[in-house]
Protein backbone atom coordinates (compact mmCIF):
# COMPACT_ATOMS: atom_id res chain seq x y z
CA MET A 1 131.07 82.10 171.71
CA CYS A 2 131.31 81.96 167.92
CA ALA A 3 134.63 83.01 166.52
CA GLN A 4 134.56 86.23 164.52
CA ALA A 5 135.69 85.92 160.88
CA THR A 6 138.98 87.60 160.21
CA ARG A 7 138.43 90.70 158.08
CA LEU A 8 140.56 91.38 155.04
CA SER A 9 142.69 94.51 154.80
CA ASP A 10 143.80 96.61 151.84
CA ARG A 11 147.43 95.73 152.63
CA GLN A 12 146.59 92.03 152.55
CA LEU A 13 144.73 92.38 149.28
CA LYS A 14 147.60 94.20 147.60
CA ALA A 15 149.90 91.32 148.52
CA VAL A 16 147.64 88.62 147.02
CA LYS A 17 149.47 86.28 144.60
CA PRO A 18 148.07 83.51 142.37
CA LYS A 19 148.80 79.89 143.26
CA ASP A 20 148.78 76.65 141.33
CA LYS A 21 144.97 76.47 141.77
CA ASP A 22 142.13 78.88 142.55
CA TYR A 23 141.59 79.80 146.19
CA VAL A 24 139.21 81.97 148.24
CA LEU A 25 139.82 84.65 150.87
CA SER A 26 136.85 85.40 153.16
CA ASP A 27 135.95 88.81 154.59
CA GLY A 28 132.95 87.58 156.59
CA ASP A 29 129.15 88.08 156.05
CA GLY A 30 129.42 86.04 152.84
CA LEU A 31 131.91 88.35 151.08
CA GLN A 32 134.72 86.42 149.41
CA LEU A 33 137.59 87.20 147.07
CA ARG A 34 138.31 84.43 144.59
CA VAL A 35 141.92 84.43 143.33
CA ARG A 36 142.37 82.59 140.05
CA VAL A 37 145.43 80.85 138.66
CA ASN A 38 145.75 83.48 135.95
CA GLY A 39 146.01 86.22 138.60
CA SER A 40 142.48 87.70 138.17
CA THR A 41 140.56 88.45 141.37
CA LEU A 42 136.77 88.50 141.69
CA TRP A 43 134.50 89.54 144.55
CA ASN A 44 131.68 87.06 145.32
CA PHE A 45 128.77 87.23 147.71
CA ASN A 46 128.10 83.69 148.94
CA TYR A 47 124.60 83.14 150.37
CA ARG A 48 121.72 80.69 150.72
CA GLN A 49 118.83 81.11 148.28
CA PRO A 50 115.75 82.19 150.32
CA ILE A 51 113.50 79.35 149.09
CA THR A 52 115.72 76.43 148.07
CA LYS A 53 118.42 77.19 150.68
CA ASN A 54 121.03 76.19 148.13
CA ARG A 55 124.41 77.93 148.26
CA ILE A 56 124.81 80.55 145.51
CA ASN A 57 127.67 82.80 144.44
CA MET A 58 126.77 86.25 143.20
CA GLY A 59 129.58 88.09 141.38
CA LEU A 60 130.06 91.69 142.57
CA GLY A 61 132.99 92.84 140.46
CA THR A 62 136.75 92.52 140.05
CA TYR A 63 139.43 93.76 142.42
CA PRO A 64 140.99 96.37 142.44
CA GLU A 65 138.37 97.98 140.12
CA LEU A 66 135.87 97.33 142.95
CA SER A 67 137.56 98.29 146.22
CA LEU A 68 137.20 96.43 149.52
CA ALA A 69 134.95 99.20 150.92
CA GLN A 70 132.70 99.10 147.82
CA ALA A 71 132.48 95.30 147.94
CA ARG A 72 131.43 95.46 151.61
CA LYS A 73 128.75 98.04 150.75
CA LYS A 74 127.34 95.81 148.00
CA THR A 75 127.34 92.89 150.45
CA VAL A 76 125.34 94.86 153.02
CA GLU A 77 122.77 95.80 150.32
CA ALA A 78 122.47 92.16 149.21
CA ARG A 79 122.01 90.97 152.82
CA GLU A 80 119.25 93.54 153.32
CA ARG A 81 117.35 92.10 150.34
CA LEU A 82 117.88 88.58 151.68
CA ALA A 83 116.36 89.66 155.00
CA GLN A 84 113.23 90.60 153.01
CA GLY A 85 113.13 87.20 151.32
CA ILE A 86 114.40 88.57 148.02
CA ASP A 87 117.06 86.74 146.02
CA PRO A 88 119.57 89.53 145.18
CA LYS A 89 120.98 87.70 142.15
CA GLU A 90 117.54 87.11 140.62
CA GLN A 91 116.54 90.72 141.29
CA ARG A 92 119.69 91.97 139.59
CA SER A 93 119.02 89.77 136.53
CA GLU A 94 115.49 91.17 136.26
CA LEU A 95 116.78 94.74 136.43
CA GLU A 96 119.41 94.00 133.76
CA GLN A 97 116.70 92.47 131.55
CA THR A 98 114.57 95.59 131.94
CA LYS A 99 117.50 97.83 131.00
CA ARG A 100 118.32 95.61 128.04
CA GLN A 101 114.74 95.82 126.80
CA ALA A 102 114.88 99.62 127.04
CA THR A 103 117.97 99.77 124.84
CA GLU A 104 118.11 96.61 122.71
CA HIS A 105 114.49 95.46 122.54
CA THR A 106 113.00 98.68 121.23
CA PHE A 107 110.08 98.27 118.85
CA GLU A 108 112.14 99.37 115.85
CA ASN A 109 114.96 96.92 116.65
CA VAL A 110 112.50 94.06 117.05
CA ALA A 111 110.72 95.10 113.85
CA SER A 112 114.07 95.08 112.03
CA ALA A 113 114.80 91.53 113.21
CA TRP A 114 111.30 90.41 112.16
CA PHE A 115 111.68 92.12 108.78
CA GLU A 116 114.93 90.28 108.04
CA LEU A 117 112.92 87.05 108.10
CA LYS A 118 109.77 88.44 106.50
CA LYS A 119 111.43 89.94 103.43
CA ASP A 120 112.61 86.52 102.24
CA SER A 121 109.01 85.25 102.02
CA VAL A 122 107.54 88.16 100.01
CA THR A 123 108.39 90.01 96.82
CA GLN A 124 110.94 92.81 96.93
CA ALA A 125 108.30 95.44 96.15
CA TYR A 126 106.00 94.18 98.91
CA ALA A 127 108.91 94.11 101.36
CA GLU A 128 109.69 97.73 100.49
CA ASP A 129 106.02 98.63 101.06
CA ILE A 130 106.07 96.98 104.49
CA TRP A 131 109.15 98.87 105.66
CA ARG A 132 107.95 102.15 104.17
CA SER A 133 104.62 101.92 106.02
CA LEU A 134 106.34 101.24 109.36
CA THR A 135 108.85 104.05 108.81
CA LEU A 136 106.12 106.51 107.91
CA HIS A 137 103.38 105.65 110.38
CA VAL A 138 104.85 103.70 113.34
CA PHE A 139 108.53 104.32 114.05
CA PRO A 140 108.24 108.11 114.65
CA SER A 141 105.97 107.43 117.66
CA LEU A 142 106.90 103.92 118.83
CA GLY A 143 110.36 103.23 117.37
CA THR A 144 112.34 103.84 120.58
CA THR A 145 109.68 102.33 122.88
CA PRO A 146 110.65 99.00 124.51
CA ILE A 147 108.51 96.25 123.03
CA SER A 148 107.38 95.33 126.55
CA GLN A 149 105.69 98.74 126.80
CA ILE A 150 103.74 98.45 123.55
CA ASN A 151 100.04 98.02 124.33
CA ALA A 152 96.67 98.22 122.59
CA PRO A 153 95.65 101.71 123.84
CA ARG A 154 98.88 103.28 122.53
CA VAL A 155 98.56 101.67 119.11
CA ILE A 156 94.85 102.51 118.84
CA GLU A 157 95.66 106.13 119.62
CA LEU A 158 98.38 106.04 116.95
CA LEU A 159 96.14 104.61 114.22
CA ARG A 160 92.90 106.53 114.93
CA PRO A 161 93.95 109.59 112.85
CA LEU A 162 94.52 107.32 109.83
CA GLU A 163 91.07 105.82 110.31
CA THR A 164 89.50 109.28 110.62
CA LYS A 165 91.23 110.33 107.40
CA GLY A 166 89.66 107.35 105.66
CA SER A 167 92.90 105.38 105.14
CA LEU A 168 91.22 102.15 106.21
CA GLU A 169 93.31 99.90 103.99
CA THR A 170 96.47 101.37 105.53
CA VAL A 171 95.10 100.75 109.03
CA LYS A 172 94.27 97.17 108.08
CA ARG A 173 97.78 96.50 106.77
CA LEU A 174 99.46 98.17 109.76
CA THR A 175 97.47 96.19 112.34
CA GLN A 176 98.44 92.99 110.54
CA ARG A 177 102.13 93.93 110.44
CA LEU A 178 102.18 95.13 114.05
CA ASN A 179 100.65 91.83 115.13
CA GLU A 180 103.29 89.86 113.27
CA ILE A 181 106.07 91.87 114.91
CA MET A 182 104.61 91.41 118.40
CA THR A 183 104.12 87.67 117.81
CA TYR A 184 107.77 87.51 116.75
CA GLY A 185 108.62 89.19 120.07
CA VAL A 186 106.66 86.51 121.94
CA ASN A 187 108.30 83.65 120.04
CA SER A 188 111.73 85.21 120.66
CA GLY A 189 111.16 85.35 124.41
CA MET A 190 111.16 89.17 124.62
CA ILE A 191 107.56 89.45 125.83
CA PHE A 192 105.12 86.95 127.33
CA ALA A 193 102.04 87.71 125.23
CA ASN A 194 100.90 89.75 122.23
CA PRO A 195 98.74 92.65 123.53
CA LEU A 196 97.64 93.59 119.99
CA SER A 197 96.09 90.23 119.01
CA GLY A 198 92.52 91.56 118.68
CA ILE A 199 93.23 95.17 117.82
CA ARG A 200 91.95 95.05 114.26
CA ALA A 201 88.39 94.59 115.52
CA VAL A 202 88.21 98.15 116.93
CA PHE A 203 88.73 99.82 113.53
CA LYS A 204 86.34 100.20 110.61
CA LYS A 205 86.79 97.64 107.88
CA PRO A 206 87.75 98.95 104.43
CA LYS A 207 85.05 98.51 101.83
CA LYS A 208 85.97 96.07 99.11
CA GLN A 209 86.26 97.96 95.84
CA ASN A 210 86.54 96.64 92.33
CA MET A 211 89.84 97.32 90.61
CA ALA A 212 89.50 100.46 88.51
CA ALA A 213 89.82 99.35 84.87
CA LEU A 214 88.78 100.76 81.51
CA ARG A 215 86.23 99.07 79.27
CA PRO A 216 87.69 97.28 76.22
CA GLU A 217 86.46 100.00 73.85
CA GLU A 218 88.37 102.62 75.89
CA LEU A 219 91.80 101.18 75.07
CA PRO A 220 92.33 103.64 72.16
CA GLU A 221 91.66 106.54 74.55
CA LEU A 222 94.35 105.21 76.88
CA MET A 223 96.90 104.84 74.09
CA VAL A 224 96.28 108.38 72.80
CA ALA A 225 96.58 109.73 76.35
CA ILE A 226 99.89 107.89 76.88
CA ALA A 227 101.26 109.19 73.57
CA ASN A 228 100.36 112.81 74.37
CA ALA A 229 101.22 112.80 78.07
CA SER A 230 104.06 114.94 79.38
CA ILE A 231 105.97 112.07 80.97
CA LYS A 232 109.48 110.70 80.75
CA ARG A 233 110.47 108.06 78.21
CA THR A 234 111.08 105.54 80.99
CA THR A 235 107.62 106.10 82.46
CA ARG A 236 105.89 105.83 79.09
CA CYS A 237 107.84 102.68 78.24
CA LEU A 238 107.04 101.22 81.66
CA ILE A 239 103.28 101.73 81.19
CA GLU A 240 103.31 100.13 77.74
CA TRP A 241 105.59 97.31 78.92
CA GLN A 242 103.18 96.49 81.72
CA LEU A 243 100.23 96.67 79.32
CA HIS A 244 101.84 94.37 76.71
CA THR A 245 103.18 91.81 79.21
CA MET A 246 100.08 91.83 81.48
CA THR A 247 102.28 91.94 84.56
CA ARG A 248 101.68 93.41 87.99
CA PRO A 249 103.03 96.92 88.74
CA ALA A 250 105.89 95.67 90.93
CA GLU A 251 106.87 92.94 88.45
CA ALA A 252 107.08 95.45 85.60
CA ALA A 253 108.91 98.10 87.64
CA THR A 254 111.61 95.62 88.71
CA THR A 255 112.31 94.24 85.21
CA SER A 256 116.01 93.34 84.99
CA TRP A 257 118.04 93.16 81.78
CA ALA A 258 119.59 89.93 83.05
CA ASP A 259 116.16 88.27 82.95
CA ILE A 260 115.60 89.09 79.27
CA ASP A 261 116.59 86.42 76.74
CA LEU A 262 116.58 88.09 73.31
CA ASP A 263 117.47 84.86 71.50
CA LYS A 264 114.55 82.91 72.96
CA LYS A 265 112.37 86.05 73.02
CA THR A 266 111.38 85.48 76.64
CA TRP A 267 111.37 87.38 79.91
CA THR A 268 111.75 85.24 83.03
CA ILE A 269 110.67 86.86 86.28
CA PRO A 270 112.42 85.12 89.23
CA ALA A 271 110.25 83.50 91.88
CA GLU A 272 111.34 85.97 94.57
CA ARG A 273 109.82 88.84 92.58
CA MET A 274 106.51 87.09 91.91
CA LYS A 275 103.46 87.42 94.14
CA LYS A 276 102.90 83.66 94.10
CA ARG A 277 106.61 82.90 94.64
CA ARG A 278 106.94 80.94 91.39
CA ALA A 279 109.09 81.90 88.40
CA HIS A 280 107.05 83.27 85.50
CA VAL A 281 108.14 83.16 81.85
CA ILE A 282 106.59 85.63 79.38
CA PRO A 283 106.93 85.25 75.59
CA LEU A 284 108.12 88.54 74.09
CA THR A 285 106.51 89.86 70.94
CA GLU A 286 108.04 92.04 68.25
CA HIS A 287 106.36 95.01 69.89
CA THR A 288 107.82 94.31 73.34
CA LEU A 289 111.25 93.75 71.80
CA ALA A 290 110.93 97.08 69.98
CA LEU A 291 110.01 98.69 73.27
CA LEU A 292 113.22 97.30 74.80
CA GLU A 293 115.20 98.81 71.93
CA THR A 294 113.63 102.17 72.72
CA ILE A 295 114.65 102.10 76.38
CA LYS A 296 118.04 100.44 75.90
CA PRO A 297 120.00 103.70 75.25
CA TYR A 298 118.81 104.96 78.63
CA SER A 299 119.21 101.86 80.79
CA GLY A 300 121.01 99.17 78.78
CA HIS A 301 124.19 99.76 80.80
CA ARG A 302 122.32 99.44 84.10
CA GLU A 303 120.81 96.53 86.03
CA TYR A 304 117.17 97.52 85.68
CA VAL A 305 115.28 98.24 82.47
CA PHE A 306 113.31 101.04 84.17
CA PRO A 307 115.75 102.80 86.53
CA ALA A 308 114.68 105.20 89.27
CA ASP A 309 115.11 108.91 88.63
CA ARG A 310 116.88 109.76 91.88
CA ASP A 311 119.05 106.66 92.00
CA PRO A 312 119.45 105.01 88.56
CA ARG A 313 121.24 102.08 90.21
CA THR A 314 117.88 100.83 91.49
CA HIS A 315 114.50 100.30 89.80
CA CYS A 316 111.66 102.79 89.60
CA ASN A 317 108.86 102.72 92.15
CA SER A 318 106.02 100.25 91.65
CA GLN A 319 103.62 103.21 91.85
CA THR A 320 105.31 105.19 89.06
CA ALA A 321 102.87 104.03 86.37
CA ASN A 322 99.92 104.50 88.71
CA MET A 323 100.83 108.11 89.52
CA ALA A 324 101.37 108.87 85.83
CA LEU A 325 97.91 107.51 84.98
CA LYS A 326 96.39 109.75 87.67
CA ARG A 327 98.08 112.83 86.20
CA MET A 328 96.86 111.81 82.76
CA GLY A 329 93.27 112.10 84.00
CA PHE A 330 92.44 108.44 84.70
CA GLU A 331 92.03 108.77 88.48
CA GLY A 332 89.04 106.70 89.54
CA ARG A 333 88.85 105.10 86.08
CA LEU A 334 92.08 103.14 85.81
CA VAL A 335 94.94 101.99 88.02
CA SER A 336 98.02 100.30 86.62
CA GLN A 337 96.92 96.95 88.09
CA GLY A 338 93.64 97.43 86.20
CA MET A 339 95.42 97.06 82.88
CA ARG A 340 95.67 93.34 83.65
CA SER A 341 91.93 93.19 84.16
CA MET A 342 91.33 94.98 80.86
CA ALA A 343 93.64 92.55 79.04
CA SER A 344 91.84 89.58 80.61
CA THR A 345 88.43 90.93 79.58
CA ILE A 346 89.49 91.59 75.98
CA LEU A 347 91.24 88.22 75.54
CA ASN A 348 88.27 86.33 76.99
CA GLU A 349 85.85 88.25 74.77
CA GLN A 350 87.97 87.31 71.74
CA GLY A 351 87.66 83.63 72.61
CA TRP A 352 91.22 82.86 73.68
CA ASP A 353 91.67 79.79 75.91
CA SER A 354 90.81 80.93 79.46
CA GLU A 355 93.45 78.59 80.86
CA LEU A 356 96.16 80.29 78.78
CA ILE A 357 94.91 83.69 79.93
CA GLU A 358 95.15 82.63 83.58
CA VAL A 359 98.69 81.36 83.05
CA ALA A 360 99.62 84.60 81.27
CA LEU A 361 98.35 86.52 84.31
CA ALA A 362 100.51 84.29 86.58
CA HIS A 363 97.53 83.01 88.51
CA VAL A 364 98.50 79.79 90.27
CA ASP A 365 97.03 76.68 88.71
CA LYS A 366 95.00 74.65 91.19
CA ASP A 367 96.66 71.51 89.88
CA GLU A 368 100.29 72.35 90.68
CA VAL A 369 101.54 69.08 89.21
CA ARG A 370 99.82 69.69 85.87
CA SER A 371 101.00 73.28 85.93
CA ALA A 372 104.64 72.29 86.42
CA TYR A 373 104.40 69.56 83.76
CA ASN A 374 102.94 71.85 81.10
CA ARG A 375 104.83 75.05 81.90
CA ALA A 376 107.24 74.82 78.95
CA ASP A 377 104.41 73.90 76.59
CA TYR A 378 102.32 76.82 77.85
CA ILE A 379 105.07 79.30 76.91
CA GLU A 380 104.80 78.43 73.20
CA ARG A 381 101.03 78.04 73.32
CA ARG A 382 100.77 81.51 74.83
CA ARG A 383 103.01 83.14 72.24
CA PRO A 384 100.29 83.55 69.53
CA MET A 385 97.97 85.03 72.13
CA MET A 386 100.62 87.51 73.29
CA ILE A 387 101.34 88.46 69.64
CA TRP A 388 97.62 89.06 69.05
CA TRP A 389 97.41 91.16 72.23
CA SER A 390 100.39 93.33 71.18
CA GLU A 391 98.87 93.81 67.72
CA HIS A 392 95.54 94.75 69.30
CA ILE A 393 97.28 97.38 71.45
CA GLN A 394 99.08 98.67 68.37
CA GLN A 395 95.83 98.99 66.45
CA ALA A 396 94.31 100.85 69.38
CA ALA A 397 97.31 103.21 69.23
CA THR A 398 96.44 103.94 65.55
CA GLY A 399 99.74 102.53 64.37
CA SER A 400 102.32 105.15 65.27
CA LEU A 401 101.36 106.47 68.69
CA SER A 402 102.83 103.57 70.67
CA VAL A 403 106.44 103.47 71.82
CA SER A 404 106.52 99.88 70.61
CA ALA A 405 105.41 100.72 67.07
CA ILE A 406 107.46 98.64 64.63
CA GLN A 407 109.02 99.91 61.43
CA GLY A 408 111.17 97.10 60.08
CA ARG A 409 112.04 96.09 63.69
CA ARG A 410 112.87 99.71 64.45
CA VAL A 411 111.01 102.10 66.68
CA SER A 412 108.87 104.82 65.14
CA VAL A 413 110.40 108.28 64.60
CA ARG A 414 107.84 109.75 66.97
CA ALA A 415 109.01 107.42 69.75
CA THR A 416 112.59 108.64 69.51
CA HIS A 417 111.56 112.22 70.09
CA LEU A 418 109.47 111.89 73.22
CA PRO A 419 109.60 114.92 75.56
CA ASP A 420 111.92 114.70 78.55
CA ALA A 421 109.26 115.92 80.97
CA VAL A 422 109.12 115.09 84.66
CA ALA A 423 107.71 111.66 85.40
């Protein structure tokens, strides 16, 4: 007959003392108590793996937090799974992974981790747009959902109302961003595959539309409208600043005083704020410098030239100028980005060097080496063109309507008495 293993008792366990090396006390059926040199005691279930037959220790808990009776109960449960050919340690790991996904690997948490990497490769304004779109359209429905439970039918159901409403560009951007987040989840080992890889194909494609821009002869109408609009000084200055400098909405909105060099009469936009991720230097004209003088009393003590209304410590929204143009009656005729197109058309019609115009618009030169070599030269070569453009805007504004009107390097009287209306 086989000898029966001696069972442990509570009295025996209470008398356990550490020795000069770890040792094990057995309770039978694979249940062991490991006593460490430091005095800690740990319950182990020692068993043979069902397939490999290798000996494995499965930790059950520490004594006395886990009593002898509780340890025996856990051992019986583990032996029952072994009898079914199930590795109890592997099963426990899978269950813990599932629980972890439900709490740690929620869609919003994974999106946050992805965004921390993404925001360093795009402009600040674009990064803000990404997070805003997810917060508005995705997180309310899927934010707390484990990423492993995100699937195509759920996302299609989420985005269909946007498609029905006609927000096809929003749907397009969201499907792209959702795919990037899910691919990040795959590459991070959270999920095995991206279930949204082909989801964009089930939605209508947005129709490509030309950028709304005024004809060259309509520039005077724009300047009169800006002068008479009931908008804040900062908004009016922002619109004219963007017009004079031919910058993108986000680049203009995030203008920082630290990037303005009054001595050299230049504005350097850092690479991280540029669409093409390359620093862009803009020669400043007398009109743009006068415009800065106009806004300086309101923001000269702050970081950004055009501070936000609600939080002056940050910059205004990249859509501020666009919304103002809509309220001024230009909806469907002009968007703030379209001012760049209008400037390009006028400068090309006037015979300015097309290469200088492209550089002024911060379009990447196909010959990067030549572009880098001639960048400093281009700044001074562009200066006469920028001066002409500012003068052309001023003429369209009939001399005194523009914020940047110059009177002996001072701003016009009219500009200093603009209404403090809501932007």
